[in-house]
Amino acid sequence: MKQLYHIAIFLIAGMAVACTDDEITGGSAAVEVIGNPVTAISLSNISAGVLSLPDIDATATVQVTATPDNAENAGNYVFISSDAKVFTVDQAGVVTATGYGEATLRVVSQNDAAVSTSCRVIVVGTPIESITITPAYENYTVTRTNAAGPIVILAPQITVNPSNASVKTLKYTSSDLSVALVSGDGDIFALWEGETVIRAEAIDGSGKFVECHLTVNITPVASITFNNITFNNVANAITTGSTSGTLHANDVSNAVNATEGQSFTIPKVTGTTAHNMRYQPTNASLNTFTYTSSDENVMTVATNASNALVVTPKTGVAGSATVSIDAADGHGAHAELNVILHKALDRSAWSIAGASPGGVYDYSANDHWGGPVENIIRDGVSAGLVKNDTYNNSPQGIAETYFVIDMAQPTSFDYVYIALHDWVTPNNYIKINRFTLAGSNDNVSYTPLSSEGSAGTFTVPTNIYNVGYLLTRPYSYRYLRVVVWNTQTSAAYKNIPYWLVKDFKLGIGPQ
């Protein structure tokens, strides 16, 4: 009734003010709210936020003080117990112990739920007299591992006396959360090397506690090495055990383990699988690497969900950058990868100046080989240079299947990328496993590019369909003749009807 009375008075007062303002100003008026609400409350007879009751059925009355002390709604509070099995409380603030343990008493202003306070209520019974810990755990050293779960289970090492203490529950804390965490049950989770104090403290108000002085060590990564990385199948492989090496990349298409795409990934492993980085020992506490690029204008580096190295070359750039690979544990394990980036040449002015045999199959226009280079080479598309194998059973000669690129003017290049179409399940019979390159400036006299093997002949590794090759030096030609063939001579080979090149690029590195 008192609340309703105040509300009615406020409304009447507000209406009166509004009417008076309207009469004076002739316009709209703000309603003035009159009142003196509670802004804060506290428990005046509770020491250090704890109310201790000696045993079950014991009672105590909490006294609430309001701010301001003349607030109109002072005295209207709601009392709440967090656990009725420990204590109950009535709306007069009388707390009654119902069981041993600890729970929280919350007091809320009835007129504003945002105004509240709380305290701990402990029903003590037989108090704890002492807490002891196994001597070996007073000063304890552990080594952090990558295994999930706690590294120390502390509770079995702690004894509460007397054994009939009413509240044996302990509160566990760690003095340095960057070194170790501890659960409410005393399970310790080591995070990183350092020292921390794990305290087990009674919650019955007795003030008893015991401490474990914990030292956490780690097993650092001792070495980071490369495992036989052959990038784009060029002759610059990084041999197993090396802590540094050089790889060459094309800024548009890269191939590691026959994977095509602009970025390339080098995973981290503990074994000796090729095309990876290896770290030792295998039980390193933190098997995470950090990666940085010395020049992000040339290439950026990142890590994927498996913490593998992902390198993304910048498109249209020729240059080099050093990728630093460091163990994240800070103990100095380090490796370096020098990546030289070859800029893919612009093909927009290129055209096809010749092809054999007799024509080249193009899905959009049969047997058209002249004109733009796209008539034969379409990035990633299953159309391109195709030879229909309708000849006799003799092995196919190297001069039978070729195309000539006209780059419009003499152009320098030192890097070749070729993608071969895997028509069906990969095998040696349906893939091109040889190609040669020869250059000319008059489309008459051609000079083989002597990069691998003899007479400019390149061997395509078994079951590799995307191949990059680094030339021994830059070449400059207007015309480039690309000859492709398959060396197989068995009957199975002769029954395969198509050979096909679906992508071809030239690149140039920093000069």
Protein backbone atom coordinates (compact mmCIF):
# COMPACT_ATOMS: atom_id res chain seq x y z
CA MET A 1 0.00 0.00 0.00
CA LYS A 2 2.88 2.33 0.84
CA GLN A 3 4.39 1.77 -2.65
CA LEU A 4 1.05 2.38 -4.40
CA TYR A 5 0.56 5.51 -2.33
CA HIS A 6 3.95 6.87 -3.42
CA ILE A 7 3.28 6.04 -7.08
CA ALA A 8 -0.04 7.85 -6.91
CA ILE A 9 1.58 10.90 -5.34
CA PHE A 10 4.29 10.90 -8.09
CA LEU A 11 1.67 10.73 -10.86
CA ILE A 12 -0.44 13.50 -9.36
CA ALA A 13 2.64 15.67 -8.85
CA GLY A 14 3.80 15.01 -12.41
CA MET A 15 0.40 15.90 -13.83
CA ALA A 16 0.31 19.07 -11.80
CA VAL A 17 3.74 20.13 -13.01
CA ALA A 18 2.85 19.33 -16.61
CA CYS A 19 -0.32 21.39 -16.46
CA THR A 20 1.50 24.34 -14.89
CA ASP A 21 4.22 24.23 -17.60
CA ASP A 22 1.62 24.12 -20.34
CA GLU A 23 -0.12 27.13 -18.93
CA ILE A 24 3.17 29.05 -18.79
CA THR A 25 4.83 28.02 -22.06
CA GLY A 26 1.86 26.95 -24.11
CA GLY A 27 3.83 23.89 -25.36
CA SER A 28 4.82 20.38 -24.31
CA ALA A 29 6.45 19.87 -20.91
CA ALA A 30 8.80 17.26 -19.33
CA VAL A 31 7.44 15.28 -16.41
CA GLU A 32 9.53 15.67 -13.25
CA VAL A 33 9.99 12.43 -11.29
CA ILE A 34 10.03 13.01 -7.55
CA GLY A 35 11.55 10.42 -5.19
CA ASN A 36 14.51 9.38 -3.11
CA PRO A 37 15.38 5.80 -4.19
CA VAL A 38 17.93 3.42 -2.70
CA THR A 39 21.23 3.62 -4.64
CA ALA A 40 23.26 1.03 -2.68
CA ILE A 41 22.89 -1.48 0.14
CA SER A 42 25.34 -3.25 2.46
CA LEU A 43 25.31 -5.82 5.26
CA SER A 44 26.39 -3.94 8.34
CA ASN A 45 26.84 -6.87 10.73
CA ILE A 46 28.86 -9.15 8.42
CA SER A 47 32.67 -9.20 8.81
CA ALA A 48 34.89 -9.64 5.72
CA GLY A 49 31.94 -10.78 3.65
CA VAL A 50 31.51 -14.03 5.63
CA LEU A 51 28.70 -15.14 7.93
CA SER A 52 29.77 -18.21 9.97
CA LEU A 53 27.23 -20.43 11.70
CA PRO A 54 28.61 -22.93 14.21
CA ASP A 55 26.33 -25.87 13.44
CA ILE A 56 23.10 -27.04 11.85
CA ASP A 57 19.96 -25.21 13.10
CA ALA A 58 22.01 -22.20 14.20
CA THR A 59 20.50 -18.86 13.15
CA ALA A 60 21.62 -15.30 12.56
CA THR A 61 19.87 -12.17 11.32
CA VAL A 62 21.58 -10.00 8.71
CA GLN A 63 21.17 -6.26 8.98
CA VAL A 64 20.83 -4.26 5.75
CA THR A 65 21.90 -0.64 5.54
CA ALA A 66 20.64 1.51 2.67
CA THR A 67 22.27 4.46 0.91
CA PRO A 68 21.00 7.09 1.32
CA ASP A 69 19.83 6.32 4.82
CA ASN A 70 16.62 8.30 4.28
CA ALA A 71 15.66 6.56 1.02
CA GLU A 72 11.90 6.27 0.68
CA ASN A 73 11.99 2.56 -0.23
CA ALA A 74 14.63 1.49 2.32
CA GLY A 75 13.69 -1.74 4.06
CA ASN A 76 12.10 -3.43 1.05
CA TYR A 77 14.50 -6.29 0.23
CA VAL A 78 14.46 -9.79 -1.20
CA PHE A 79 16.72 -12.38 0.51
CA ILE A 80 17.95 -15.36 -1.60
CA SER A 81 19.93 -18.50 -0.65
CA SER A 82 22.07 -20.08 -3.40
CA ASP A 83 21.80 -23.51 -1.74
CA ALA A 84 18.94 -24.40 0.61
CA LYS A 85 20.87 -27.54 1.65
CA VAL A 86 23.37 -25.27 3.43
CA PHE A 87 21.03 -22.54 4.73
CA THR A 88 17.62 -20.97 4.28
CA VAL A 89 16.66 -17.34 4.76
CA ASP A 90 13.31 -15.69 5.35
CA GLN A 91 12.28 -12.26 4.17
CA ALA A 92 13.13 -10.75 7.53
CA GLY A 93 16.78 -11.64 6.91
CA VAL A 94 16.91 -14.57 9.37
CA VAL A 95 19.46 -17.14 8.17
CA THR A 96 19.05 -20.76 9.38
CA ALA A 97 21.78 -23.42 8.92
CA THR A 98 20.45 -26.60 7.28
CA GLY A 99 23.69 -28.44 6.47
CA TYR A 100 27.47 -28.14 6.48
CA GLY A 101 29.24 -26.27 3.74
CA GLU A 102 29.25 -22.92 2.00
CA ALA A 103 26.64 -21.03 -0.01
CA THR A 104 25.91 -17.42 -0.98
CA LEU A 105 23.33 -15.06 0.49
CA ARG A 106 22.14 -12.44 -1.96
CA VAL A 107 20.13 -9.39 -0.95
CA VAL A 108 18.32 -7.40 -3.65
CA SER A 109 16.46 -4.11 -3.39
CA GLN A 110 12.80 -4.84 -4.03
CA ASN A 111 12.39 -1.63 -6.00
CA ASP A 112 15.52 -1.91 -8.17
CA ALA A 113 17.08 -5.32 -8.96
CA ALA A 114 20.30 -3.61 -10.01
CA VAL A 115 20.90 -2.63 -6.37
CA SER A 116 22.16 -5.68 -4.47
CA THR A 117 24.83 -7.13 -2.21
CA SER A 118 25.95 -10.59 -1.10
CA CYS A 119 28.04 -12.53 1.40
CA ARG A 120 29.33 -16.06 1.97
CA VAL A 121 27.49 -18.18 4.53
CA ILE A 122 29.53 -21.01 6.06
CA VAL A 123 28.07 -23.67 8.34
CA VAL A 124 31.18 -24.83 10.17
CA GLY A 125 30.34 -27.72 12.48
CA THR A 126 33.64 -29.37 13.35
CA PRO A 127 36.28 -26.99 11.96
CA ILE A 128 39.46 -27.97 10.13
CA GLU A 129 42.44 -27.92 12.49
CA SER A 130 45.22 -28.50 9.94
CA ILE A 131 45.91 -29.35 6.30
CA THR A 132 49.00 -31.33 5.29
CA ILE A 133 50.54 -32.24 1.93
CA THR A 134 52.77 -35.17 0.93
CA PRO A 135 56.33 -33.87 1.47
CA ALA A 136 57.38 -34.65 -2.12
CA TYR A 137 54.72 -32.21 -3.34
CA GLU A 138 55.76 -29.26 -1.19
CA ASN A 139 58.29 -28.45 -3.91
CA TYR A 140 57.36 -30.24 -7.09
CA THR A 141 58.77 -30.10 -10.63
CA VAL A 142 56.94 -31.22 -13.77
CA THR A 143 57.63 -31.08 -17.52
CA ARG A 144 54.89 -29.75 -19.76
CA THR A 145 53.79 -32.11 -22.54
CA ASN A 146 51.38 -31.91 -25.45
CA ALA A 147 49.10 -34.48 -23.85
CA ALA A 148 45.61 -33.35 -22.93
CA GLY A 149 44.48 -33.38 -19.33
CA PRO A 150 46.05 -32.40 -15.99
CA ILE A 151 49.74 -32.88 -15.42
CA VAL A 152 49.35 -33.19 -11.63
CA ILE A 153 46.35 -34.43 -9.61
CA LEU A 154 46.98 -32.74 -6.29
CA ALA A 155 43.94 -33.68 -4.18
CA PRO A 156 45.14 -37.22 -3.25
CA GLN A 157 48.34 -35.66 -1.88
CA ILE A 158 46.47 -33.46 0.63
CA THR A 159 45.07 -34.53 4.01
CA VAL A 160 42.47 -32.58 6.03
CA ASN A 161 42.50 -32.93 9.82
CA PRO A 162 40.51 -33.95 11.75
CA SER A 163 39.00 -36.61 9.52
CA ASN A 164 35.52 -35.75 10.86
CA ALA A 165 35.74 -32.07 9.92
CA SER A 166 32.29 -30.95 8.84
CA VAL A 167 33.48 -29.04 5.74
CA LYS A 168 36.46 -30.68 4.05
CA THR A 169 36.08 -28.82 0.75
CA LEU A 170 39.18 -26.88 -0.24
CA LYS A 171 39.61 -23.91 -2.54
CA TYR A 172 42.54 -24.22 -5.00
CA THR A 173 44.33 -21.22 -6.51
CA SER A 174 47.44 -20.62 -8.63
CA SER A 175 49.63 -17.58 -8.03
CA ASP A 176 50.71 -17.38 -11.69
CA LEU A 177 48.06 -18.29 -14.23
CA SER A 178 50.55 -18.08 -17.09
CA VAL A 179 52.47 -21.04 -15.62
CA ALA A 180 49.67 -23.32 -14.44
CA LEU A 181 45.93 -23.45 -13.87
CA VAL A 182 44.24 -25.48 -11.17
CA SER A 183 40.69 -26.77 -11.16
CA GLY A 184 38.27 -26.75 -8.24
CA ASP A 185 39.16 -30.40 -7.66
CA GLY A 186 42.91 -29.74 -7.46
CA ASP A 187 43.84 -30.89 -10.96
CA ILE A 188 46.83 -28.86 -12.19
CA PHE A 189 47.20 -27.98 -15.89
CA ALA A 190 50.71 -26.83 -16.77
CA LEU A 191 50.79 -24.03 -19.34
CA TRP A 192 54.36 -22.87 -19.67
CA GLU A 193 57.74 -22.88 -18.00
CA GLY A 194 58.10 -20.95 -14.77
CA GLU A 195 57.18 -21.13 -11.09
CA THR A 196 53.84 -20.80 -9.35
CA VAL A 197 52.34 -21.54 -5.94
CA ILE A 198 49.28 -23.77 -5.81
CA ARG A 199 47.36 -23.09 -2.60
CA ALA A 200 44.74 -25.41 -1.08
CA GLU A 201 42.70 -23.39 1.43
CA ALA A 202 39.87 -24.37 3.77
CA ILE A 203 36.53 -22.69 3.08
CA ASP A 204 35.07 -23.32 6.54
CA GLY A 205 36.41 -20.05 7.88
CA SER A 206 39.25 -21.70 9.82
CA GLY A 207 41.89 -20.01 7.68
CA LYS A 208 43.91 -23.23 7.29
CA PHE A 209 45.85 -23.80 4.05
CA VAL A 210 48.76 -25.65 2.49
CA GLU A 211 50.93 -24.79 -0.54
CA CYS A 212 52.63 -26.65 -3.36
CA HIS A 213 55.54 -24.72 -4.85
CA LEU A 214 55.38 -25.87 -8.47
CA THR A 215 58.12 -25.56 -11.11
CA VAL A 216 57.13 -26.21 -14.72
CA ASN A 217 59.81 -27.10 -17.27
CA ILE A 218 59.38 -27.75 -20.98
CA THR A 219 60.99 -29.97 -23.59
CA PRO A 220 61.95 -27.45 -26.27
CA VAL A 221 62.13 -28.01 -30.01
CA ALA A 222 65.81 -28.76 -30.62
CA SER A 223 65.87 -28.56 -34.42
CA ILE A 224 63.80 -27.74 -37.49
CA THR A 225 64.94 -29.32 -40.75
CA PHE A 226 63.58 -29.84 -44.26
CA ASN A 227 62.72 -33.27 -45.62
CA ASN A 228 63.68 -33.68 -49.28
CA ILE A 229 61.55 -30.84 -50.62
CA THR A 230 61.46 -30.79 -54.41
CA PHE A 231 59.39 -27.78 -55.30
CA ASN A 232 57.81 -27.77 -58.76
CA ASN A 233 60.13 -30.65 -59.66
CA VAL A 234 63.03 -28.37 -60.49
CA ALA A 235 66.59 -29.43 -59.81
CA ASN A 236 66.93 -27.36 -56.64
CA ALA A 237 65.67 -29.84 -54.09
CA ILE A 238 66.38 -29.24 -50.41
CA THR A 239 67.88 -32.41 -49.07
CA THR A 240 66.80 -34.10 -45.85
CA GLY A 241 68.41 -32.63 -42.74
CA SER A 242 68.99 -29.14 -44.16
CA THR A 243 68.08 -26.16 -42.02
CA SER A 244 68.02 -23.82 -45.02
CA GLY A 245 67.49 -23.97 -48.75
CA THR A 246 66.20 -22.23 -51.84
CA LEU A 247 62.98 -22.85 -53.74
CA HIS A 248 61.75 -21.28 -56.95
CA ALA A 249 58.10 -20.39 -57.46
CA ASN A 250 55.87 -19.02 -60.18
CA ASP A 251 53.55 -16.26 -58.99
CA VAL A 252 50.49 -17.71 -60.73
CA SER A 253 50.75 -21.50 -60.63
CA ASN A 254 52.74 -23.57 -58.18
CA ALA A 255 52.95 -27.31 -57.78
CA VAL A 256 53.99 -29.23 -54.69
CA ASN A 257 53.06 -32.90 -54.79
CA ALA A 258 51.05 -32.25 -57.97
CA THR A 259 48.87 -29.62 -56.30
CA GLU A 260 48.13 -26.62 -58.49
CA GLY A 261 47.42 -23.19 -57.08
CA GLN A 262 48.96 -19.83 -56.30
CA SER A 263 49.78 -20.58 -52.63
CA PHE A 264 51.83 -23.54 -51.56
CA THR A 265 51.92 -25.38 -48.26
CA ILE A 266 54.78 -27.14 -46.45
CA PRO A 267 53.49 -29.13 -43.45
CA LYS A 268 55.39 -29.84 -40.24
CA VAL A 269 55.91 -33.45 -39.20
CA THR A 270 57.92 -35.56 -36.78
CA GLY A 271 58.83 -38.27 -39.32
CA THR A 272 60.81 -38.20 -42.55
CA THR A 273 58.03 -37.86 -45.12
CA ALA A 274 59.21 -35.85 -48.14
CA HIS A 275 58.02 -32.30 -48.87
CA ASN A 276 57.78 -31.39 -45.18
CA MET A 277 59.51 -29.64 -42.31
CA ARG A 278 60.58 -31.92 -39.49
CA TYR A 279 60.95 -30.98 -35.84
CA GLN A 280 62.82 -32.86 -33.13
CA PRO A 281 62.35 -34.20 -30.54
CA THR A 282 58.96 -35.75 -31.15
CA ASN A 283 57.91 -35.10 -27.54
CA ALA A 284 58.55 -31.34 -27.69
CA SER A 285 56.28 -29.56 -25.23
CA LEU A 286 55.10 -27.04 -27.84
CA ASN A 287 55.30 -28.20 -31.45
CA THR A 288 54.20 -24.88 -32.91
CA PHE A 289 56.16 -22.75 -35.38
CA THR A 290 55.95 -19.07 -36.24
CA TYR A 291 56.55 -17.90 -39.80
CA THR A 292 57.67 -14.50 -41.09
CA SER A 293 58.52 -13.16 -44.54
CA SER A 294 61.43 -10.79 -45.01
CA ASP A 295 59.53 -8.97 -47.78
CA GLU A 296 55.74 -9.09 -47.84
CA ASN A 297 55.79 -7.14 -51.11
CA VAL A 298 57.15 -10.34 -52.67
CA MET A 299 55.27 -12.98 -50.69
CA THR A 300 53.24 -13.33 -47.53
CA VAL A 301 53.26 -16.24 -45.11
CA ALA A 302 50.55 -17.69 -42.91
CA THR A 303 49.71 -20.84 -41.00
CA ASN A 304 46.78 -23.17 -41.47
CA ALA A 305 44.82 -25.19 -38.89
CA SER A 306 47.68 -27.72 -38.72
CA ASN A 307 50.29 -24.99 -38.23
CA ALA A 308 51.77 -25.75 -41.65
CA LEU A 309 53.64 -23.05 -43.56
CA VAL A 310 51.49 -21.43 -46.27
CA VAL A 311 53.36 -19.15 -48.70
CA THR A 312 51.42 -16.85 -51.03
CA PRO A 313 53.48 -15.17 -53.78
CA LYS A 314 52.40 -11.72 -54.93
CA THR A 315 51.00 -11.73 -58.44
CA GLY A 316 52.99 -9.81 -61.04
CA VAL A 317 56.16 -9.60 -58.95
CA ALA A 318 59.63 -11.00 -59.52
CA GLY A 319 61.78 -11.03 -56.41
CA SER A 320 62.98 -13.03 -53.44
CA ALA A 321 62.19 -13.23 -49.75
CA THR A 322 63.47 -15.25 -46.84
CA VAL A 323 60.87 -17.14 -44.85
CA SER A 324 61.99 -17.49 -41.24
CA ILE A 325 60.69 -20.54 -39.40
CA ASP A 326 61.02 -20.41 -35.62
CA ALA A 327 59.90 -22.67 -32.81
CA ALA A 328 57.27 -20.79 -30.81
CA ASP A 329 58.73 -22.04 -27.51
CA GLY A 330 61.39 -19.34 -27.69
CA HIS A 331 64.37 -21.70 -27.27
CA GLY A 332 65.98 -20.80 -30.59
CA ALA A 333 65.22 -23.63 -33.02
CA HIS A 334 65.26 -21.98 -36.46
CA ALA A 335 65.21 -22.72 -40.18
CA GLU A 336 65.13 -20.51 -43.27
CA LEU A 337 63.60 -20.91 -46.67
CA ASN A 338 64.75 -18.58 -49.46
CA VAL A 339 61.97 -18.37 -52.02
CA ILE A 340 62.75 -16.84 -55.41
CA LEU A 341 59.63 -15.66 -57.19
CA HIS A 342 59.39 -15.77 -60.98
CA LYS A 343 56.77 -13.46 -62.46
CA ALA A 344 54.46 -15.16 -64.94
CA LEU A 345 54.63 -13.40 -68.30
CA ASP A 346 51.57 -11.70 -69.72
CA ARG A 347 50.07 -13.97 -72.41
CA SER A 348 47.53 -11.51 -73.79
CA ALA A 349 49.69 -10.68 -76.84
CA TRP A 350 50.70 -14.27 -77.51
CA SER A 351 49.39 -16.26 -80.42
CA ILE A 352 49.80 -19.76 -81.82
CA ALA A 353 52.11 -19.61 -84.86
CA GLY A 354 52.05 -23.28 -85.73
CA ALA A 355 51.08 -26.76 -84.57
CA SER A 356 51.34 -30.36 -85.63
CA PRO A 357 49.94 -32.83 -86.57
CA GLY A 358 47.59 -31.23 -89.08
CA GLY A 359 45.58 -29.32 -86.54
CA VAL A 360 44.80 -29.01 -82.91
CA TYR A 361 41.50 -29.95 -81.34
CA ASP A 362 39.70 -27.11 -79.57
CA TYR A 363 36.34 -27.77 -77.91
CA SER A 364 34.84 -24.54 -79.21
CA ALA A 365 36.22 -24.73 -82.75
CA ASN A 366 37.59 -28.01 -84.08
CA ASP A 367 41.06 -28.10 -85.64
CA HIS A 368 41.80 -24.41 -85.11
CA TRP A 369 45.35 -23.75 -84.02
CA GLY A 370 45.99 -20.20 -85.27
CA GLY A 371 45.21 -16.99 -83.43
CA PRO A 372 45.26 -16.34 -79.68
CA VAL A 373 47.12 -18.71 -77.41
CA GLU A 374 43.81 -19.47 -75.67
CA ASN A 375 42.81 -21.54 -78.69
CA ILE A 376 45.13 -24.18 -77.32
CA ILE A 377 45.95 -23.30 -73.71
CA ARG A 378 43.14 -22.54 -71.29
CA ASP A 379 44.15 -22.42 -67.65
CA GLY A 380 42.72 -25.37 -65.83
CA VAL A 381 40.27 -26.23 -68.61
CA SER A 382 40.18 -29.63 -70.29
CA ALA A 383 40.89 -28.24 -73.72
CA GLY A 384 44.19 -27.60 -75.39
CA LEU A 385 46.80 -29.39 -77.41
CA VAL A 386 45.43 -32.80 -78.32
CA LYS A 387 46.88 -35.40 -80.64
CA ASN A 388 44.46 -38.02 -81.88
CA ASP A 389 46.41 -41.29 -81.83
CA THR A 390 45.29 -42.70 -85.20
CA TYR A 391 48.76 -43.55 -86.46
CA ASN A 392 50.26 -47.02 -86.74
CA ASN A 393 51.63 -49.08 -83.90
CA SER A 394 55.08 -47.56 -84.13
CA PRO A 395 56.20 -45.42 -81.20
CA GLN A 396 55.24 -41.80 -81.78
CA GLY A 397 58.13 -39.56 -82.76
CA ILE A 398 59.00 -36.41 -80.90
CA ALA A 399 58.27 -34.19 -83.93
CA GLU A 400 54.67 -35.29 -84.33
CA THR A 401 52.96 -33.26 -81.62
CA TYR A 402 53.95 -29.68 -80.97
CA PHE A 403 52.76 -26.08 -80.86
CA VAL A 404 54.64 -22.81 -81.48
CA ILE A 405 54.04 -19.72 -79.34
CA ASP A 406 54.60 -16.30 -80.89
CA MET A 407 55.27 -13.82 -78.07
CA ALA A 408 55.14 -10.86 -80.54
CA GLN A 409 58.68 -9.75 -79.64
CA PRO A 410 61.83 -11.24 -78.09
CA THR A 411 61.00 -11.93 -74.46
CA SER A 412 63.18 -13.09 -71.57
CA PHE A 413 62.12 -16.09 -69.46
CA ASP A 414 63.82 -18.51 -67.07
CA TYR A 415 60.94 -20.56 -65.70
CA VAL A 416 58.49 -22.96 -67.35
CA TYR A 417 55.19 -24.23 -66.01
CA ILE A 418 53.18 -26.92 -67.77
CA ALA A 419 49.94 -28.59 -66.64
CA LEU A 420 48.96 -31.91 -68.16
CA HIS A 421 45.40 -33.13 -68.34
CA ASP A 422 44.72 -36.28 -66.31
CA TRP A 423 42.12 -37.68 -68.68
CA VAL A 424 41.23 -40.65 -66.50
CA THR A 425 42.85 -42.35 -63.52
CA PRO A 426 46.53 -41.32 -63.70
CA ASN A 427 48.92 -43.82 -65.27
CA ASN A 428 51.95 -43.72 -67.51
CA TYR A 429 49.99 -44.35 -70.70
CA ILE A 430 47.73 -41.33 -70.82
CA LYS A 431 50.12 -38.63 -69.66
CA ILE A 432 52.83 -36.76 -71.48
CA ASN A 433 56.10 -37.75 -69.84
CA ARG A 434 58.50 -35.85 -72.08
CA PHE A 435 58.62 -32.40 -73.57
CA THR A 436 61.25 -30.27 -75.28
CA LEU A 437 61.61 -26.52 -75.66
CA ALA A 438 63.34 -24.73 -78.52
CA GLY A 439 63.52 -20.98 -79.21
CA SER A 440 63.73 -18.86 -82.32
CA ASN A 441 63.50 -15.25 -83.40
CA ASP A 442 62.54 -15.96 -87.02
CA ASN A 443 60.29 -19.05 -86.70
CA VAL A 444 62.70 -20.89 -88.98
CA SER A 445 65.88 -21.68 -87.11
CA TYR A 446 65.25 -23.13 -83.61
CA THR A 447 67.77 -23.65 -80.79
CA PRO A 448 66.99 -26.20 -78.05
CA LEU A 449 66.92 -24.88 -74.48
CA SER A 450 69.52 -26.97 -72.67
CA SER A 451 68.11 -27.04 -69.17
CA GLU A 452 67.64 -30.67 -68.23
CA GLY A 453 68.84 -33.75 -70.09
CA SER A 454 69.96 -33.08 -73.65
CA ALA A 455 68.63 -30.95 -76.49
CA GLY A 456 66.18 -29.16 -74.23
CA THR A 457 64.38 -32.36 -73.25
CA PHE A 458 62.49 -32.37 -69.97
CA THR A 459 61.35 -35.50 -68.16
CA VAL A 460 57.99 -35.31 -66.43
CA PRO A 461 58.08 -37.28 -63.15
CA THR A 462 55.76 -40.25 -62.85
CA ASN A 463 52.17 -39.35 -62.00
CA ILE A 464 52.91 -35.62 -61.88
CA TYR A 465 50.51 -33.52 -63.90
CA ASN A 466 51.54 -30.00 -62.90
CA VAL A 467 55.23 -29.38 -63.46
CA GLY A 468 57.44 -26.34 -62.97
CA TYR A 469 60.98 -26.18 -64.34
CA LEU A 470 63.74 -23.73 -63.58
CA LEU A 471 65.98 -23.11 -66.57
CA THR A 472 69.72 -22.91 -66.12
CA ARG A 473 69.74 -19.28 -67.27
CA PRO A 474 67.38 -16.70 -68.76
CA TYR A 475 66.62 -17.13 -72.48
CA SER A 476 65.27 -14.50 -74.85
CA TYR A 477 63.23 -15.54 -77.91
CA ARG A 478 60.18 -14.41 -79.80
CA TYR A 479 59.06 -17.92 -80.78
CA LEU A 480 59.01 -20.95 -78.53
CA ARG A 481 58.36 -24.42 -79.87
CA VAL A 482 56.90 -26.87 -77.34
CA VAL A 483 57.06 -30.55 -78.29
CA VAL A 484 55.22 -33.10 -76.18
CA TRP A 485 55.13 -36.88 -76.40
CA ASN A 486 54.73 -40.12 -74.53
CA THR A 487 57.53 -42.69 -74.56
CA GLN A 488 55.33 -45.68 -73.89
CA THR A 489 55.21 -48.35 -76.61
CA SER A 490 52.96 -51.04 -75.15
CA ALA A 491 49.60 -52.01 -76.57
CA ALA A 492 47.85 -50.29 -73.67
CA TYR A 493 49.47 -47.00 -74.66
CA LYS A 494 48.49 -47.35 -78.31
CA ASN A 495 44.83 -47.68 -77.40
CA ILE A 496 44.72 -44.33 -75.61
CA PRO A 497 43.29 -41.75 -78.04
CA TYR A 498 44.35 -38.40 -76.58
CA TRP A 499 47.29 -36.43 -75.34
CA LEU A 500 46.53 -33.00 -73.93
CA VAL A 501 48.21 -29.89 -72.45
CA LYS A 502 45.81 -27.70 -70.50
CA ASP A 503 48.10 -24.96 -69.16
CA PHE A 504 51.47 -23.48 -70.14
CA LYS A 505 53.27 -20.47 -68.69
CA LEU A 506 56.67 -18.83 -68.82
CA GLY A 507 58.11 -16.77 -66.00
CA ILE A 508 61.04 -14.50 -65.28
CA GLY A 509 62.82 -14.11 -61.94
CA PRO A 510 64.65 -11.15 -60.42
CA GLN A 511 67.55 -10.07 -62.61
